[in-house]
Amino acid sequence: YTLKGLGSGNWKGDLQPVVRVGYYDPNIDANVDPSMVAASNFGGNDERTDIEVGLNYYLRGHEMKFQLSYDRQQFDQSDIKPANNEVIFATQVWY
């Protein structure tokens, strides 16, 4: 969804809200026991849920874009591996 014509002057642009939900389980045949895994990228947490919300702001059509997003990664065994939170701000210029 795009909200068109927000702002004024040189900063008049279009705003796009973004929402994404993802689920990752690398081994759906087994539920990994964290105490049985010595070293892995997930510390024994084989299931992860991602929730991301953000905004895209386009200036002068799509010649310039600002992006702001927040991502939360929650793991299956939250007492062993706590959730990760990430905020990203990015810009992009096209000419």
PDB file of N, CA and C in Angstrom:
ATOM      1  N   TYR A   1       0.842  -1.164   0.000  1.00  0.00           N
ATOM      2  CA  TYR A   1       0.000   0.000   0.000  1.00  0.00           C
ATOM      3  C   TYR A   1       0.885   1.224   0.000  1.00  0.00           C
ATOM      4  N   THR A   2       0.537   2.251  -0.772  1.00  0.00           N
ATOM      5  CA  THR A   2       1.337   3.468  -0.871  1.00  0.00           C
ATOM      6  C   THR A   2       0.482   4.689  -0.571  1.00  0.00           C
ATOM      7  N   LEU A   3       0.973   5.534   0.324  1.00  0.00           N
ATOM      8  CA  LEU A   3       0.331   6.816   0.617  1.00  0.00           C
ATOM      9  C   LEU A   3       1.047   7.866  -0.226  1.00  0.00           C
ATOM     10  N   LYS A   4       0.371   8.416  -1.201  1.00  0.00           N
ATOM     11  CA  LYS A   4       1.002   9.308  -2.170  1.00  0.00           C
ATOM     12  C   LYS A   4       0.934  10.768  -1.743  1.00  0.00           C
ATOM     13  N   GLY A   5       1.971  11.530  -2.130  1.00  0.00           N
ATOM     14  CA  GLY A   5       1.986  12.979  -1.980  1.00  0.00           C
ATOM     15  C   GLY A   5       2.090  13.501  -0.561  1.00  0.00           C
ATOM     16  N   LEU A   6       2.835  12.824   0.296  1.00  0.00           N
ATOM     17  CA  LEU A   6       3.014  13.303   1.670  1.00  0.00           C
ATOM     18  C   LEU A   6       4.172  14.295   1.724  1.00  0.00           C
ATOM     19  N   GLY A   7       4.117  15.230   2.658  1.00  0.00           N
ATOM     20  CA  GLY A   7       5.174  16.220   2.802  1.00  0.00           C
ATOM     21  C   GLY A   7       4.937  17.399   1.880  1.00  0.00           C
ATOM     22  N   SER A   8       5.944  18.281   1.814  1.00  0.00           N
ATOM     23  CA  SER A   8       5.809  19.451   0.961  1.00  0.00           C
ATOM     24  C   SER A   8       7.167  19.856   0.400  1.00  0.00           C
ATOM     25  N   GLY A   9       7.137  20.648  -0.660  1.00  0.00           N
ATOM     26  CA  GLY A   9       8.369  21.150  -1.261  1.00  0.00           C
ATOM     27  C   GLY A   9       9.238  20.028  -1.803  1.00  0.00           C
ATOM     28  N   ASN A  10      10.549  20.147  -1.571  1.00  0.00           N
ATOM     29  CA  ASN A  10      11.496  19.136  -2.052  1.00  0.00           C
ATOM     30  C   ASN A  10      11.343  17.796  -1.341  1.00  0.00           C
ATOM     31  N   TRP A  11      10.661  17.772  -0.203  1.00  0.00           N
ATOM     32  CA  TRP A  11      10.508  16.542   0.578  1.00  0.00           C
ATOM     33  C   TRP A  11       9.173  15.844   0.325  1.00  0.00           C
ATOM     34  N   LYS A  12       8.416  16.307  -0.669  1.00  0.00           N
ATOM     35  CA  LYS A  12       7.138  15.667  -0.987  1.00  0.00           C
ATOM     36  C   LYS A  12       7.418  14.309  -1.621  1.00  0.00           C
ATOM     37  N   GLY A  13       6.776  13.276  -1.072  1.00  0.00           N
ATOM     38  CA  GLY A  13       7.039  11.934  -1.574  1.00  0.00           C
ATOM     39  C   GLY A  13       5.940  10.960  -1.233  1.00  0.00           C
ATOM     40  N   ASP A  14       6.234   9.689  -1.441  1.00  0.00           N
ATOM     41  CA  ASP A  14       5.279   8.612  -1.207  1.00  0.00           C
ATOM     42  C   ASP A  14       5.782   7.731  -0.071  1.00  0.00           C
ATOM     43  N   LEU A  15       4.873   7.330   0.807  1.00  0.00           N
ATOM     44  CA  LEU A  15       5.208   6.508   1.970  1.00  0.00           C
ATOM     45  C   LEU A  15       4.608   5.118   1.796  1.00  0.00           C
ATOM     46  N   GLN A  16       5.424   4.100   2.039  1.00  0.00           N
ATOM     47  CA  GLN A  16       4.985   2.708   1.926  1.00  0.00           C
ATOM     48  C   GLN A  16       5.251   1.983   3.231  1.00  0.00           C
ATOM     49  N   PRO A  17       4.218   1.527   3.944  1.00  0.00           N
ATOM     50  CA  PRO A  17       4.447   0.686   5.122  1.00  0.00           C
ATOM     51  C   PRO A  17       4.790  -0.742   4.674  1.00  0.00           C
ATOM     52  N   VAL A  18       5.622  -1.417   5.466  1.00  0.00           N
ATOM     53  CA  VAL A  18       6.066  -2.772   5.138  1.00  0.00           C
ATOM     54  C   VAL A  18       5.900  -3.656   6.371  1.00  0.00           C
ATOM     55  N   VAL A  19       5.351  -4.847   6.182  1.00  0.00           N
ATOM     56  CA  VAL A  19       5.220  -5.837   7.256  1.00  0.00           C
ATOM     57  C   VAL A  19       5.604  -7.198   6.682  1.00  0.00           C
ATOM     58  N   ARG A  20       6.417  -7.934   7.439  1.00  0.00           N
ATOM     59  CA  ARG A  20       6.816  -9.272   6.999  1.00  0.00           C
ATOM     60  C   ARG A  20       6.890 -10.182   8.209  1.00  0.00           C
ATOM     61  N   VAL A  21       6.364 -11.377   8.065  1.00  0.00           N
ATOM     62  CA  VAL A  21       6.463 -12.401   9.102  1.00  0.00           C
ATOM     63  C   VAL A  21       7.048 -13.643   8.446  1.00  0.00           C
ATOM     64  N   GLY A  22       8.079 -14.201   9.076  1.00  0.00           N
ATOM     65  CA  GLY A  22       8.711 -15.385   8.518  1.00  0.00           C
ATOM     66  C   GLY A  22       8.938 -16.439   9.590  1.00  0.00           C
ATOM     67  N   TYR A  23       9.019 -17.687   9.150  1.00  0.00           N
ATOM     68  CA  TYR A  23       9.272 -18.802  10.052  1.00  0.00           C
ATOM     69  C   TYR A  23      10.314 -19.690   9.398  1.00  0.00           C
ATOM     70  N   TYR A  24      11.337 -20.078  10.160  1.00  0.00           N
ATOM     71  CA  TYR A  24      12.437 -20.881   9.622  1.00  0.00           C
ATOM     72  C   TYR A  24      12.676 -22.083  10.517  1.00  0.00           C
ATOM     73  N   ASP A  25      12.625 -23.272   9.920  1.00  0.00           N
ATOM     74  CA  ASP A  25      12.934 -24.517  10.622  1.00  0.00           C
ATOM     75  C   ASP A  25      13.775 -25.362   9.677  1.00  0.00           C
ATOM     76  N   PRO A  26      15.107 -25.404   9.877  1.00  0.00           N
ATOM     77  CA  PRO A  26      15.970 -26.109   8.937  1.00  0.00           C
ATOM     78  C   PRO A  26      15.801 -27.623   8.941  1.00  0.00           C
ATOM     79  N   ASN A  27      15.207 -28.182   9.999  1.00  0.00           N
ATOM     80  CA  ASN A  27      15.022 -29.625  10.068  1.00  0.00           C
ATOM     81  C   ASN A  27      13.623 -29.898  10.603  1.00  0.00           C
ATOM     82  N   ILE A  28      12.661 -30.024   9.697  1.00  0.00           N
ATOM     83  CA  ILE A  28      11.278 -30.217  10.124  1.00  0.00           C
ATOM     84  C   ILE A  28      11.003 -31.641  10.599  1.00  0.00           C
ATOM     85  N   ASP A  29      11.957 -32.555  10.361  1.00  0.00           N
ATOM     86  CA  ASP A  29      11.775 -33.948  10.776  1.00  0.00           C
ATOM     87  C   ASP A  29      12.097 -34.173  12.250  1.00  0.00           C
ATOM     88  N   ALA A  30      12.809 -33.231  12.877  1.00  0.00           N
ATOM     89  CA  ALA A  30      13.214 -33.415  14.277  1.00  0.00           C
ATOM     90  C   ALA A  30      13.173 -32.089  15.008  1.00  0.00           C
ATOM     91  N   ASN A  31      12.834 -32.167  16.287  1.00  0.00           N
ATOM     92  CA  ASN A  31      12.890 -30.994  17.146  1.00  0.00           C
ATOM     93  C   ASN A  31      14.211 -31.071  17.901  1.00  0.00           C
ATOM     94  N   VAL A  32      15.149 -30.205  17.581  1.00  0.00           N
ATOM     95  CA  VAL A  32      16.499 -30.272  18.131  1.00  0.00           C
ATOM     96  C   VAL A  32      16.478 -29.932  19.617  1.00  0.00           C
ATOM     97  N   ASP A  33      17.096 -30.790  20.408  1.00  0.00           N
ATOM     98  CA  ASP A  33      17.251 -30.548  21.843  1.00  0.00           C
ATOM     99  C   ASP A  33      18.493 -29.685  22.036  1.00  0.00           C
ATOM    100  N   PRO A  34      18.367 -28.476  22.588  1.00  0.00           N
ATOM    101  CA  PRO A  34      19.508 -27.578  22.723  1.00  0.00           C
ATOM    102  C   PRO A  34      20.663 -28.168  23.523  1.00  0.00           C
ATOM    103  N   SER A  35      20.403 -29.042  24.465  1.00  0.00           N
ATOM    104  CA  SER A  35      21.478 -29.621  25.272  1.00  0.00           C
ATOM    105  C   SER A  35      22.301 -30.643  24.489  1.00  0.00           C
ATOM    106  N   MET A  36      21.782 -31.115  23.357  1.00  0.00           N
ATOM    107  CA  MET A  36      22.484 -32.121  22.566  1.00  0.00           C
ATOM    108  C   MET A  36      23.326 -31.508  21.447  1.00  0.00           C
ATOM    109  N   VAL A  37      23.225 -30.206  21.254  1.00  0.00           N
ATOM    110  CA  VAL A  37      23.950 -29.551  20.168  1.00  0.00           C
ATOM    111  C   VAL A  37      25.121 -28.779  20.756  1.00  0.00           C
ATOM    112  N   ALA A  38      26.339 -29.167  20.383  1.00  0.00           N
ATOM    113  CA  ALA A  38      27.535 -28.509  20.937  1.00  0.00           C
ATOM    114  C   ALA A  38      27.730 -27.131  20.326  1.00  0.00           C
ATOM    115  N   ALA A  39      27.684 -27.008  19.045  1.00  0.00           N
ATOM    116  CA  ALA A  39      27.919 -25.711  18.391  1.00  0.00           C
ATOM    117  C   ALA A  39      27.091 -25.640  17.110  1.00  0.00           C
ATOM    118  N   SER A  40      26.283 -24.633  17.028  1.00  0.00           N
ATOM    119  CA  SER A  40      25.541 -24.382  15.798  1.00  0.00           C
ATOM    120  C   SER A  40      25.243 -22.892  15.725  1.00  0.00           C
ATOM    121  N   ASN A  41      24.819 -22.452  14.584  1.00  0.00           N
ATOM    122  CA  ASN A  41      24.501 -21.031  14.400  1.00  0.00           C
ATOM    123  C   ASN A  41      23.354 -20.594  15.290  1.00  0.00           C
ATOM    124  N   PHE A  42      22.487 -21.508  15.646  1.00  0.00           N
ATOM    125  CA  PHE A  42      21.322 -21.168  16.444  1.00  0.00           C
ATOM    126  C   PHE A  42      21.470 -21.606  17.895  1.00  0.00           C
ATOM    127  N   GLY A  43      22.626 -22.116  18.275  1.00  0.00           N
ATOM    128  CA  GLY A  43      22.835 -22.546  19.651  1.00  0.00           C
ATOM    129  C   GLY A  43      21.863 -23.630  20.062  1.00  0.00           C
ATOM    130  N   GLY A  44      21.464 -24.489  19.129  1.00  0.00           N
ATOM    131  CA  GLY A  44      20.526 -25.558  19.419  1.00  0.00           C
ATOM    132  C   GLY A  44      19.079 -25.170  19.165  1.00  0.00           C
ATOM    133  N   ASN A  45      18.847 -23.955  18.841  1.00  0.00           N
ATOM    134  CA  ASN A  45      17.483 -23.514  18.529  1.00  0.00           C
ATOM    135  C   ASN A  45      17.262 -23.669  17.039  1.00  0.00           C
ATOM    136  N   ASP A  46      16.554 -24.698  16.646  1.00  0.00           N
ATOM    137  CA  ASP A  46      16.402 -24.934  15.222  1.00  0.00           C
ATOM    138  C   ASP A  46      15.185 -24.248  14.625  1.00  0.00           C
ATOM    139  N   GLU A  47      14.373 -23.590  15.414  1.00  0.00           N
ATOM    140  CA  GLU A  47      13.200 -22.898  14.884  1.00  0.00           C
ATOM    141  C   GLU A  47      13.299 -21.417  15.217  1.00  0.00           C
ATOM    142  N   ARG A  48      12.975 -20.587  14.221  1.00  0.00           N
ATOM    143  CA  ARG A  48      13.090 -19.144  14.401  1.00  0.00           C
ATOM    144  C   ARG A  48      11.907 -18.454  13.745  1.00  0.00           C
ATOM    145  N   THR A  49      11.365 -17.440  14.401  1.00  0.00           N
ATOM    146  CA  THR A  49      10.312 -16.612  13.846  1.00  0.00           C
ATOM    147  C   THR A  49      10.839 -15.194  13.685  1.00  0.00           C
ATOM    148  N   ASP A  50      10.633 -14.612  12.506  1.00  0.00           N
ATOM    149  CA  ASP A  50      11.037 -13.232  12.223  1.00  0.00           C
ATOM    150  C   ASP A  50       9.794 -12.369  12.056  1.00  0.00           C
ATOM    151  N   ILE A  51       9.806 -11.222  12.710  1.00  0.00           N
ATOM    152  CA  ILE A  51       8.738 -10.237  12.557  1.00  0.00           C
ATOM    153  C   ILE A  51       9.412  -8.926  12.190  1.00  0.00           C
ATOM    154  N   GLU A  52       9.043  -8.375  11.049  1.00  0.00           N
ATOM    155  CA  GLU A  52       9.679  -7.149  10.576  1.00  0.00           C
ATOM    156  C   GLU A  52       8.620  -6.126  10.183  1.00  0.00           C
ATOM    157  N   VAL A  53       8.823  -4.897  10.624  1.00  0.00           N
ATOM    158  CA  VAL A  53       7.965  -3.782  10.230  1.00  0.00           C
ATOM    159  C   VAL A  53       8.874  -2.657   9.752  1.00  0.00           C
ATOM    160  N   GLY A  54       8.389  -1.865   8.826  1.00  0.00           N
ATOM    161  CA  GLY A  54       9.232  -0.790   8.321  1.00  0.00           C
ATOM    162  C   GLY A  54       8.462   0.190   7.472  1.00  0.00           C
ATOM    163  N   LEU A  55       9.205   1.199   7.020  1.00  0.00           N
ATOM    164  CA  LEU A  55       8.653   2.238   6.156  1.00  0.00           C
ATOM    165  C   LEU A  55       9.634   2.510   5.023  1.00  0.00           C
ATOM    166  N   ASN A  56       9.101   2.692   3.824  1.00  0.00           N
ATOM    167  CA  ASN A  56       9.869   3.181   2.677  1.00  0.00           C
ATOM    168  C   ASN A  56       9.315   4.545   2.326  1.00  0.00           C
ATOM    169  N   TYR A  57      10.197   5.526   2.108  1.00  0.00           N
ATOM    170  CA  TYR A  57       9.765   6.872   1.716  1.00  0.00           C
ATOM    171  C   TYR A  57      10.469   7.225   0.412  1.00  0.00           C
ATOM    172  N   TYR A  58       9.691   7.409  -0.647  1.00  0.00           N
ATOM    173  CA  TYR A  58      10.226   7.685  -1.974  1.00  0.00           C
ATOM    174  C   TYR A  58      10.119   9.175  -2.280  1.00  0.00           C
ATOM    175  N   LEU A  59      11.210   9.767  -2.774  1.00  0.00           N
ATOM    176  CA  LEU A  59      11.231  11.169  -3.182  1.00  0.00           C
ATOM    177  C   LEU A  59      11.385  11.258  -4.699  1.00  0.00           C
ATOM    178  N   ARG A  60      10.724  12.233  -5.300  1.00  0.00           N
ATOM    179  CA  ARG A  60      10.813  12.475  -6.746  1.00  0.00           C
ATOM    180  C   ARG A  60      10.587  11.186  -7.529  1.00  0.00           C
ATOM    181  N   GLY A  61       9.426  10.635  -7.368  1.00  0.00           N
ATOM    182  CA  GLY A  61       9.137   9.342  -7.984  1.00  0.00           C
ATOM    183  C   GLY A  61       9.883   8.273  -7.218  1.00  0.00           C
ATOM    184  N   HIS A  62      10.798   7.616  -7.879  1.00  0.00           N
ATOM    185  CA  HIS A  62      11.618   6.608  -7.202  1.00  0.00           C
ATOM    186  C   HIS A  62      13.100   6.928  -7.353  1.00  0.00           C
ATOM    187  N   GLU A  63      13.435   8.218  -7.488  1.00  0.00           N
ATOM    188  CA  GLU A  63      14.835   8.608  -7.647  1.00  0.00           C
ATOM    189  C   GLU A  63      15.617   8.508  -6.335  1.00  0.00           C
ATOM    190  N   MET A  64      14.937   8.656  -5.210  1.00  0.00           N
ATOM    191  CA  MET A  64      15.603   8.535  -3.908  1.00  0.00           C
ATOM    192  C   MET A  64      14.656   7.838  -2.947  1.00  0.00           C
ATOM    193  N   LYS A  65      15.234   6.968  -2.132  1.00  0.00           N
ATOM    194  CA  LYS A  65      14.412   6.210  -1.183  1.00  0.00           C
ATOM    195  C   LYS A  65      15.108   6.165   0.167  1.00  0.00           C
ATOM    196  N   PHE A  66      14.325   6.389   1.222  1.00  0.00           N
ATOM    197  CA  PHE A  66      14.766   6.177   2.600  1.00  0.00           C
ATOM    198  C   PHE A  66      14.029   4.966   3.132  1.00  0.00           C
ATOM    199  N   GLN A  67      14.745   4.093   3.822  1.00  0.00           N
ATOM    200  CA  GLN A  67      14.127   2.907   4.411  1.00  0.00           C
ATOM    201  C   GLN A  67      14.452   2.856   5.899  1.00  0.00           C
ATOM    202  N   LEU A  68      13.451   2.531   6.696  1.00  0.00           N
ATOM    203  CA  LEU A  68      13.641   2.303   8.121  1.00  0.00           C
ATOM    204  C   LEU A  68      12.906   1.014   8.459  1.00  0.00           C
ATOM    205  N   SER A  69      13.605   0.076   9.101  1.00  0.00           N
ATOM    206  CA  SER A  69      12.950  -1.184   9.452  1.00  0.00           C
ATOM    207  C   SER A  69      13.412  -1.672  10.823  1.00  0.00           C
ATOM    208  N   TYR A  70      12.526  -2.420  11.451  1.00  0.00           N
ATOM    209  CA  TYR A  70      12.801  -3.073  12.736  1.00  0.00           C
ATOM    210  C   TYR A  70      12.520  -4.554  12.551  1.00  0.00           C
ATOM    211  N   ASP A  71      13.480  -5.388  12.941  1.00  0.00           N
ATOM    212  CA  ASP A  71      13.350  -6.835  12.792  1.00  0.00           C
ATOM    213  C   ASP A  71      13.581  -7.498  14.146  1.00  0.00           C
ATOM    214  N   ARG A  72      12.695  -8.403  14.511  1.00  0.00           N
ATOM    215  CA  ARG A  72      12.841  -9.181  15.754  1.00  0.00           C
ATOM    216  C   ARG A  72      12.899 -10.650  15.381  1.00  0.00           C
ATOM    217  N   GLN A  73      13.963 -11.324  15.822  1.00  0.00           N
ATOM    218  CA  GLN A  73      14.132 -12.753  15.587  1.00  0.00           C
ATOM    219  C   GLN A  73      13.962 -13.469  16.921  1.00  0.00           C
ATOM    220  N   GLN A  74      12.938 -14.310  16.993  1.00  0.00           N
ATOM    221  CA  GLN A  74      12.662 -15.071  18.211  1.00  0.00           C
ATOM    222  C   GLN A  74      12.962 -16.534  17.952  1.00  0.00           C
ATOM    223  N   PHE A  75      13.634 -17.163  18.908  1.00  0.00           N
ATOM    224  CA  PHE A  75      14.050 -18.550  18.760  1.00  0.00           C
ATOM    225  C   PHE A  75      13.166 -19.480  19.580  1.00  0.00           C
ATOM    226  N   ASP A  76      13.179 -20.759  19.183  1.00  0.00           N
ATOM    227  CA  ASP A  76      12.356 -21.793  19.801  1.00  0.00           C
ATOM    228  C   ASP A  76      12.615 -21.891  21.311  1.00  0.00           C
ATOM    229  N   GLN A  77      13.856 -21.902  21.710  1.00  0.00           N
ATOM    230  CA  GLN A  77      14.231 -22.026  23.123  1.00  0.00           C
ATOM    231  C   GLN A  77      14.698 -20.659  23.619  1.00  0.00           C
ATOM    232  N   SER A  78      13.776 -19.756  23.902  1.00  0.00           N
ATOM    233  CA  SER A  78      14.137 -18.383  24.249  1.00  0.00           C
ATOM    234  C   SER A  78      14.907 -18.272  25.565  1.00  0.00           C
ATOM    235  N   ASP A  79      14.827 -19.285  26.437  1.00  0.00           N
ATOM    236  CA  ASP A  79      15.597 -19.231  27.678  1.00  0.00           C
ATOM    237  C   ASP A  79      17.076 -19.540  27.432  1.00  0.00           C
ATOM    238  N   ILE A  80      17.405 -20.183  26.318  1.00  0.00           N
ATOM    239  CA  ILE A  80      18.788 -20.508  25.983  1.00  0.00           C
ATOM    240  C   ILE A  80      19.375 -19.460  25.034  1.00  0.00           C
ATOM    241  N   LYS A  81      18.615 -19.065  24.049  1.00  0.00           N
ATOM    242  CA  LYS A  81      19.066 -18.027  23.114  1.00  0.00           C
ATOM    243  C   LYS A  81      18.009 -16.932  23.074  1.00  0.00           C
ATOM    244  N   PRO A  82      18.333 -15.731  23.616  1.00  0.00           N
ATOM    245  CA  PRO A  82      17.352 -14.647  23.641  1.00  0.00           C
ATOM    246  C   PRO A  82      17.079 -14.101  22.239  1.00  0.00           C
ATOM    247  N   ALA A  83      16.008 -13.357  22.128  1.00  0.00           N
ATOM    248  CA  ALA A  83      15.615 -12.769  20.847  1.00  0.00           C
ATOM    249  C   ALA A  83      16.636 -11.721  20.400  1.00  0.00           C
ATOM    250  N   ASN A  84      16.790 -11.592  19.084  1.00  0.00           N
ATOM    251  CA  ASN A  84      17.629 -10.555  18.489  1.00  0.00           C
ATOM    252  C   ASN A  84      16.739  -9.438  17.980  1.00  0.00           C
ATOM    253  N   ASN A  85      17.141  -8.203  18.218  1.00  0.00           N
ATOM    254  CA  ASN A  85      16.434  -7.040  17.716  1.00  0.00           C
ATOM    255  C   ASN A  85      17.390  -6.257  16.829  1.00  0.00           C
ATOM    256  N   GLU A  86      16.891  -5.789  15.690  1.00  0.00           N
ATOM    257  CA  GLU A  86      17.740  -5.081  14.738  1.00  0.00           C
ATOM    258  C   GLU A  86      16.960  -3.925  14.126  1.00  0.00           C
ATOM    259  N   VAL A  87      17.592  -2.754  14.089  1.00  0.00           N
ATOM    260  CA  VAL A  87      17.018  -1.581  13.433  1.00  0.00           C
ATOM    261  C   VAL A  87      17.956  -1.212  12.286  1.00  0.00           C
ATOM    262  N   ILE A  88      17.392  -1.010  11.106  1.00  0.00           N
ATOM    263  CA  ILE A  88      18.185  -0.668   9.929  1.00  0.00           C
ATOM    264  C   ILE A  88      17.628   0.600   9.303  1.00  0.00           C
ATOM    265  N   PHE A  89      18.530   1.551   9.013  1.00  0.00           N
ATOM    266  CA  PHE A  89      18.177   2.735   8.243  1.00  0.00           C
ATOM    267  C   PHE A  89      19.054   2.733   6.997  1.00  0.00           C
ATOM    268  N   ALA A  90      18.438   2.863   5.835  1.00  0.00           N
ATOM    269  CA  ALA A  90      19.195   2.822   4.585  1.00  0.00           C
ATOM    270  C   ALA A  90      18.651   3.876   3.615  1.00  0.00           C
ATOM    271  N   THR A  91      19.504   4.301   2.714  1.00  0.00           N
ATOM    272  CA  THR A  91      19.088   5.211   1.646  1.00  0.00           C
ATOM    273  C   THR A  91      19.545   4.637   0.312  1.00  0.00           C
ATOM    274  N   GLN A  92      18.845   5.045  -0.728  1.00  0.00           N
ATOM    275  CA  GLN A  92      19.187   4.592  -2.055  1.00  0.00           C
ATOM    276  C   GLN A  92      18.919   5.736  -3.034  1.00  0.00           C
ATOM    277  N   VAL A  93      19.875   5.976  -3.943  1.00  0.00           N
ATOM    278  CA  VAL A  93      19.736   7.041  -4.945  1.00  0.00           C
ATOM    279  C   VAL A  93      19.837   6.427  -6.330  1.00  0.00           C
ATOM    280  N   TRP A  94      18.951   6.846  -7.206  1.00  0.00           N
ATOM    281  CA  TRP A  94      18.969   6.374  -8.579  1.00  0.00           C
ATOM    282  C   TRP A  94      19.096   7.587  -9.484  1.00  0.00           C
ATOM    283  N   TYR A  95      20.001   7.517 -10.428  1.00  0.00           N
ATOM    284  CA  TYR A  95      20.142   8.626 -11.398  1.00  0.00           C
ATOM    285  C   TYR A  95      20.533   8.108 -12.757  1.00  0.00           C
TER     286      TYR A  95
END
